[in-house]
Amino acid sequence: MAGEAEYPELIRDEDPWQGLDVMGSVHLRVWQWEAGRLTAVISGPGAMRAEGVEEAFARLSAEYPQTTVELFHHHPGDWIDMAFYAELAREADGSVTRTRIFGDELARRLGPSLYATEDPEDETGGYGGP
């Protein structure tokens, strides 16, 4: 098994927070690769709404102003919806695109802490595919 030193450091694992414009909570996790580069994953009901994604981008930009932040969305599986992961990108016009990816692809990059810090009720099991 690969050592933790091969992966970025998990520097933040917030309990779900209630944003001002977000319906539902958002679970925020942040990994640091090196100075100036972070990867963040937001999950939960608030992360599905455009306002939640915008708020996450704004919050991370304000808190880490001299940093490049990659942002991913994790929609936990439940009895209604299939789980999925998506890479989020802000376009030149300010809109945000979601590109679905496999959860295991993101886990290979971030290490075991990705699945270890998922929401306890999540039954994704690494699927999260396109």
C-alpha atoms as a PDB file:
ATOM      1  CA  MET A   1       0.000   0.000   0.000  1.00  0.00           C
ATOM      2  CA  ALA A   2       1.243   3.475  -0.802  1.00  0.00           C
ATOM      3  CA  GLY A   3       2.463   5.674   2.025  1.00  0.00           C
ATOM      4  CA  GLU A   4       0.639   8.825   3.114  1.00  0.00           C
ATOM      5  CA  ALA A   5       3.640  10.936   2.020  1.00  0.00           C
ATOM      6  CA  GLU A   6       2.739  10.158  -1.604  1.00  0.00           C
ATOM      7  CA  TYR A   7      -0.577  11.964  -1.261  1.00  0.00           C
ATOM      8  CA  PRO A   8      -1.480  15.564  -0.502  1.00  0.00           C
ATOM      9  CA  GLU A   9      -2.125  16.419   3.126  1.00  0.00           C
ATOM     10  CA  LEU A  10      -5.739  16.642   4.294  1.00  0.00           C
ATOM     11  CA  ILE A  11      -5.726  20.064   5.971  1.00  0.00           C
ATOM     12  CA  ARG A  12      -9.444  20.598   6.471  1.00  0.00           C
ATOM     13  CA  ASP A  13     -12.423  18.343   7.120  1.00  0.00           C
ATOM     14  CA  GLU A  14     -15.298  20.558   8.179  1.00  0.00           C
ATOM     15  CA  ASP A  15     -18.534  19.306   9.523  1.00  0.00           C
ATOM     16  CA  PRO A  16     -21.326  20.297   7.174  1.00  0.00           C
ATOM     17  CA  TRP A  17     -21.870  24.052   7.146  1.00  0.00           C
ATOM     18  CA  GLN A  18     -24.929  26.071   6.342  1.00  0.00           C
ATOM     19  CA  GLY A  19     -24.157  28.756   3.790  1.00  0.00           C
ATOM     20  CA  LEU A  20     -26.127  31.943   3.505  1.00  0.00           C
ATOM     21  CA  ASP A  21     -27.494  31.112   0.039  1.00  0.00           C
ATOM     22  CA  VAL A  22     -27.373  27.329   0.199  1.00  0.00           C
ATOM     23  CA  MET A  23     -30.345  25.082   0.842  1.00  0.00           C
ATOM     24  CA  GLY A  24     -29.017  22.224   2.896  1.00  0.00           C
ATOM     25  CA  SER A  25     -25.562  21.697   4.264  1.00  0.00           C
ATOM     26  CA  VAL A  26     -22.220  21.240   2.530  1.00  0.00           C
ATOM     27  CA  HIS A  27     -19.358  19.060   3.753  1.00  0.00           C
ATOM     28  CA  LEU A  28     -16.029  20.673   2.831  1.00  0.00           C
ATOM     29  CA  ARG A  29     -12.709  18.825   2.674  1.00  0.00           C
ATOM     30  CA  VAL A  30      -9.415  20.385   1.516  1.00  0.00           C
ATOM     31  CA  TRP A  31      -6.089  18.773   0.625  1.00  0.00           C
ATOM     32  CA  GLN A  32      -2.802  20.663   0.171  1.00  0.00           C
ATOM     33  CA  TRP A  33      -0.315  19.459  -2.427  1.00  0.00           C
ATOM     34  CA  GLU A  34       2.318  22.131  -1.908  1.00  0.00           C
ATOM     35  CA  ALA A  35       2.243  25.834  -1.207  1.00  0.00           C
ATOM     36  CA  GLY A  36      -0.122  27.485  -3.662  1.00  0.00           C
ATOM     37  CA  ARG A  37      -2.074  24.370  -4.759  1.00  0.00           C
ATOM     38  CA  LEU A  38      -5.138  22.825  -3.127  1.00  0.00           C
ATOM     39  CA  THR A  39      -7.816  20.295  -3.997  1.00  0.00           C
ATOM     40  CA  ALA A  40     -11.234  20.681  -2.364  1.00  0.00           C
ATOM     41  CA  VAL A  41     -14.258  18.378  -2.354  1.00  0.00           C
ATOM     42  CA  ILE A  42     -17.739  19.591  -1.453  1.00  0.00           C
ATOM     43  CA  SER A  43     -20.580  17.176  -0.823  1.00  0.00           C
ATOM     44  CA  GLY A  44     -24.094  17.195   0.499  1.00  0.00           C
ATOM     45  CA  PRO A  45     -27.441  18.636  -0.595  1.00  0.00           C
ATOM     46  CA  GLY A  46     -26.209  22.230  -0.848  1.00  0.00           C
ATOM     47  CA  ALA A  47     -23.445  21.227  -3.251  1.00  0.00           C
ATOM     48  CA  MET A  48     -25.987  20.303  -5.940  1.00  0.00           C
ATOM     49  CA  ARG A  49     -27.308  23.837  -6.230  1.00  0.00           C
ATOM     50  CA  ALA A  50     -25.515  26.410  -8.380  1.00  0.00           C
ATOM     51  CA  GLU A  51     -25.545  28.790  -5.399  1.00  0.00           C
ATOM     52  CA  GLY A  52     -23.698  26.214  -3.293  1.00  0.00           C
ATOM     53  CA  VAL A  53     -20.960  25.790  -5.873  1.00  0.00           C
ATOM     54  CA  GLU A  54     -20.619  29.560  -6.333  1.00  0.00           C
ATOM     55  CA  GLU A  55     -20.431  30.027  -2.586  1.00  0.00           C
ATOM     56  CA  ALA A  56     -17.774  27.315  -2.290  1.00  0.00           C
ATOM     57  CA  PHE A  57     -15.658  28.923  -5.026  1.00  0.00           C
ATOM     58  CA  ALA A  58     -16.015  32.355  -3.376  1.00  0.00           C
ATOM     59  CA  ARG A  59     -15.262  31.053   0.112  1.00  0.00           C
ATOM     60  CA  LEU A  60     -12.170  29.117  -0.966  1.00  0.00           C
ATOM     61  CA  SER A  61     -10.881  32.055  -3.043  1.00  0.00           C
ATOM     62  CA  ALA A  62     -11.261  34.373  -0.054  1.00  0.00           C
ATOM     63  CA  GLU A  63      -9.668  31.981   2.425  1.00  0.00           C
ATOM     64  CA  TYR A  64      -6.793  30.926   0.140  1.00  0.00           C
ATOM     65  CA  PRO A  65      -6.183  34.036  -2.023  1.00  0.00           C
ATOM     66  CA  GLN A  66      -2.748  33.133  -3.430  1.00  0.00           C
ATOM     67  CA  THR A  67      -3.686  29.542  -4.177  1.00  0.00           C
ATOM     68  CA  THR A  68      -4.906  27.528  -7.140  1.00  0.00           C
ATOM     69  CA  VAL A  69      -7.888  25.467  -5.987  1.00  0.00           C
ATOM     70  CA  GLU A  70      -9.231  22.444  -7.868  1.00  0.00           C
ATOM     71  CA  LEU A  71     -12.845  21.897  -6.833  1.00  0.00           C
ATOM     72  CA  PHE A  72     -14.753  18.626  -6.984  1.00  0.00           C
ATOM     73  CA  HIS A  73     -18.329  17.782  -6.111  1.00  0.00           C
ATOM     74  CA  HIS A  74     -19.375  14.538  -4.462  1.00  0.00           C
ATOM     75  CA  HIS A  75     -23.054  13.693  -4.501  1.00  0.00           C
ATOM     76  CA  PRO A  76     -23.515  10.945  -1.886  1.00  0.00           C
ATOM     77  CA  GLY A  77     -25.687   8.018  -2.831  1.00  0.00           C
ATOM     78  CA  ASP A  78     -28.972   7.472  -1.078  1.00  0.00           C
ATOM     79  CA  TRP A  79     -32.212   5.592  -1.638  1.00  0.00           C
ATOM     80  CA  ILE A  80     -33.320   8.132  -4.273  1.00  0.00           C
ATOM     81  CA  ASP A  81     -30.185   9.067  -6.247  1.00  0.00           C
ATOM     82  CA  MET A  82     -27.086   7.306  -7.509  1.00  0.00           C
ATOM     83  CA  ALA A  83     -23.863   8.725  -6.146  1.00  0.00           C
ATOM     84  CA  PHE A  84     -21.441  10.564  -8.346  1.00  0.00           C
ATOM     85  CA  TYR A  85     -18.289  12.675  -8.338  1.00  0.00           C
ATOM     86  CA  ALA A  86     -17.681  15.611 -10.654  1.00  0.00           C
ATOM     87  CA  GLU A  87     -14.849  17.989 -11.383  1.00  0.00           C
ATOM     88  CA  LEU A  88     -16.026  21.609 -11.241  1.00  0.00           C
ATOM     89  CA  ALA A  89     -14.519  24.268 -13.473  1.00  0.00           C
ATOM     90  CA  ARG A  90     -15.296  27.965 -13.600  1.00  0.00           C
ATOM     91  CA  GLU A  91     -15.603  29.191 -17.180  1.00  0.00           C
ATOM     92  CA  ALA A  92     -14.550  32.627 -18.486  1.00  0.00           C
ATOM     93  CA  ASP A  93     -18.180  33.813 -18.375  1.00  0.00           C
ATOM     94  CA  GLY A  94     -18.436  32.840 -14.696  1.00  0.00           C
ATOM     95  CA  SER A  95     -20.549  29.741 -15.261  1.00  0.00           C
ATOM     96  CA  VAL A  96     -19.536  26.432 -13.732  1.00  0.00           C
ATOM     97  CA  THR A  97     -19.309  23.137 -15.586  1.00  0.00           C
ATOM     98  CA  ARG A  98     -19.498  19.715 -13.958  1.00  0.00           C
ATOM     99  CA  THR A  99     -17.613  16.832 -15.534  1.00  0.00           C
ATOM    100  CA  ARG A 100     -18.470  13.514 -13.920  1.00  0.00           C
ATOM    101  CA  ILE A 101     -15.532  11.322 -12.951  1.00  0.00           C
ATOM    102  CA  PHE A 102     -15.086   7.995 -11.181  1.00  0.00           C
ATOM    103  CA  GLY A 103     -14.629   8.298  -7.417  1.00  0.00           C
ATOM    104  CA  ASP A 104     -11.740   5.847  -7.535  1.00  0.00           C
ATOM    105  CA  GLU A 105      -9.905   8.162  -9.953  1.00  0.00           C
ATOM    106  CA  LEU A 106     -10.056  10.966  -7.398  1.00  0.00           C
ATOM    107  CA  ALA A 107      -9.145   8.552  -4.577  1.00  0.00           C
ATOM    108  CA  ARG A 108      -5.987   7.523  -6.448  1.00  0.00           C
ATOM    109  CA  ARG A 109      -4.945  11.183  -6.459  1.00  0.00           C
ATOM    110  CA  LEU A 110      -5.944  12.127  -2.914  1.00  0.00           C
ATOM    111  CA  GLY A 111      -5.289   8.850  -1.129  1.00  0.00           C
ATOM    112  CA  PRO A 112      -7.220   6.903   1.494  1.00  0.00           C
ATOM    113  CA  SER A 113      -8.369  10.043   3.286  1.00  0.00           C
ATOM    114  CA  LEU A 114     -10.953  10.715   0.540  1.00  0.00           C
ATOM    115  CA  TYR A 115     -13.120   7.716   1.395  1.00  0.00           C
ATOM    116  CA  ALA A 116     -12.174   7.780   5.101  1.00  0.00           C
ATOM    117  CA  THR A 117     -13.719  11.244   5.495  1.00  0.00           C
ATOM    118  CA  GLU A 118     -16.924  10.692   3.511  1.00  0.00           C
ATOM    119  CA  ASP A 119     -20.236  11.211   5.185  1.00  0.00           C
ATOM    120  CA  PRO A 120     -21.108   8.224   7.405  1.00  0.00           C
ATOM    121  CA  GLU A 121     -24.485   7.644   5.733  1.00  0.00           C
ATOM    122  CA  ASP A 122     -22.951   7.643   2.250  1.00  0.00           C
ATOM    123  CA  GLU A 123     -23.113   4.299   0.502  1.00  0.00           C
ATOM    124  CA  THR A 124     -21.129   5.329  -2.569  1.00  0.00           C
ATOM    125  CA  GLY A 125     -18.507   2.627  -2.129  1.00  0.00           C
ATOM    126  CA  GLY A 126     -16.158   4.227  -4.652  1.00  0.00           C
ATOM    127  CA  TYR A 127     -18.581   4.172  -7.562  1.00  0.00           C
ATOM    128  CA  GLY A 128     -19.453   7.759  -8.295  1.00  0.00           C
ATOM    129  CA  GLY A 129     -18.976   7.121 -12.016  1.00  0.00           C
ATOM    130  CA  PRO A 130     -19.975   9.149 -15.031  1.00  0.00           C
END
